[in-house]
Protein backbone atom coordinates (compact mmCIF):
# COMPACT_ATOMS: atom_id res chain seq x y z
CA HIS A 1 -69.28 -79.58 -128.41
CA SER A 2 -68.50 -83.15 -129.39
CA HIS A 3 -69.73 -82.54 -132.92
CA LEU A 4 -67.29 -79.67 -133.31
CA ASN A 5 -64.48 -81.91 -132.06
CA LEU A 6 -65.42 -84.55 -134.61
CA LEU A 7 -65.64 -81.95 -137.33
CA GLY A 8 -62.47 -80.12 -136.41
CA TRP A 9 -60.26 -83.07 -135.61
CA VAL A 10 -61.53 -86.32 -137.04
CA THR A 11 -62.73 -85.18 -140.44
CA MET A 12 -59.68 -82.99 -140.97
CA ALA A 13 -57.46 -85.94 -140.03
CA VAL A 14 -59.28 -88.15 -142.53
CA TYR A 15 -58.84 -85.52 -145.22
CA ALA A 16 -55.13 -85.12 -144.43
CA ALA A 17 -54.51 -88.86 -144.33
CA TYR A 18 -56.18 -89.39 -147.69
CA TYR A 19 -54.31 -86.57 -149.37
CA GLN A 20 -51.04 -87.86 -147.91
CA LEU A 21 -51.68 -91.45 -149.01
CA VAL A 22 -53.03 -90.54 -152.48
CA PRO A 23 -50.79 -87.82 -153.91
CA ALA A 24 -52.79 -87.77 -157.15
CA ALA A 25 -55.80 -86.53 -155.19
CA SER A 26 -53.85 -83.69 -153.59
CA ALA A 27 -52.62 -82.57 -157.02
CA MET A 28 -56.17 -81.95 -158.23
CA ARG A 29 -57.36 -78.37 -158.52
CA SER A 30 -60.52 -79.30 -156.61
CA ALA A 31 -58.38 -80.37 -153.62
CA ARG A 32 -57.39 -76.75 -153.08
CA ALA A 33 -61.04 -75.69 -153.25
CA HIS A 34 -61.87 -78.44 -150.78
CA PHE A 35 -59.24 -77.15 -148.36
CA TRP A 36 -60.65 -73.62 -148.35
CA LEU A 37 -64.27 -74.74 -148.26
CA ALA A 38 -63.69 -77.14 -145.35
CA ASN A 39 -61.80 -74.56 -143.33
CA ALA A 40 -64.32 -71.81 -144.01
CA GLY A 41 -67.17 -74.08 -142.95
CA LEU A 42 -65.34 -75.11 -139.79
CA LEU A 43 -64.55 -71.53 -138.79
CA VAL A 44 -68.04 -70.19 -139.47
CA LEU A 45 -69.74 -73.11 -137.74
CA THR A 46 -67.47 -73.04 -134.69
CA ALA A 47 -67.78 -69.29 -134.18
CA SER A 48 -71.54 -69.40 -134.66
CA VAL A 49 -72.07 -72.25 -132.22
CA ALA A 50 -69.92 -70.44 -129.65
CA MET A 51 -72.05 -67.32 -130.08
CA LEU A 52 -75.23 -69.37 -129.79
CA ALA A 53 -73.94 -70.88 -126.56
CA SER A 54 -73.35 -67.35 -125.29
CA GLY A 55 -76.97 -66.45 -125.88
CA PHE A 56 -76.58 -64.61 -129.18
CA GLU A 57 -79.60 -66.09 -130.96
CA ARG A 58 -78.96 -64.29 -134.24
CA ALA A 59 -75.94 -66.55 -134.80
CA ALA A 60 -78.26 -69.39 -135.85
CA SER A 61 -78.04 -68.30 -139.47
CA GLY A 62 -74.25 -68.42 -139.24
CA ALA A 63 -74.44 -71.94 -137.84
CA ALA A 64 -76.68 -72.91 -140.75
CA LEU A 65 -74.26 -71.38 -143.24
CA GLY A 66 -71.30 -73.11 -141.62
CA SER A 67 -73.16 -76.42 -141.74
CA ILE A 68 -73.94 -75.97 -145.43
CA LEU A 69 -70.33 -75.09 -146.22
CA THR A 70 -69.15 -78.13 -144.28
CA LEU A 71 -71.59 -80.42 -146.03
CA ALA A 72 -70.52 -79.02 -149.40
CA SER A 73 -66.86 -79.65 -148.53
CA MET A 74 -67.68 -83.25 -147.61
CA ALA A 75 -69.50 -83.73 -150.91
CA LEU A 76 -66.52 -82.25 -152.77
CA PHE A 77 -64.15 -84.55 -150.88
CA THR A 78 -66.31 -87.54 -151.80
CA SER A 79 -66.10 -86.60 -155.47
CA ILE A 80 -62.32 -86.19 -155.16
CA VAL A 81 -62.04 -89.68 -153.66
CA PHE A 82 -64.09 -91.26 -156.44
CA ARG A 83 -62.25 -89.38 -159.19
CA SER A 84 -58.79 -90.28 -157.82
CA ALA A 85 -59.51 -93.93 -157.07
């Protein structure tokens, strides 16, 4: 539960603050890919964890996929930060 709050609120706030403060980063084509990747990962992970909490054990693969998407979006964001700095 707390991890989803950190993922859904804190990381998204960090992303938004950086893109607002560094307009050159938000103009990059990879910033748009980062937006969709981060949101897809968040949605898949959140839905899967909710299903796991409800006893639907087959949602574990969805949670793994959501985690991988989220990690990939964080790696992409890191590359955006280094390329725009």
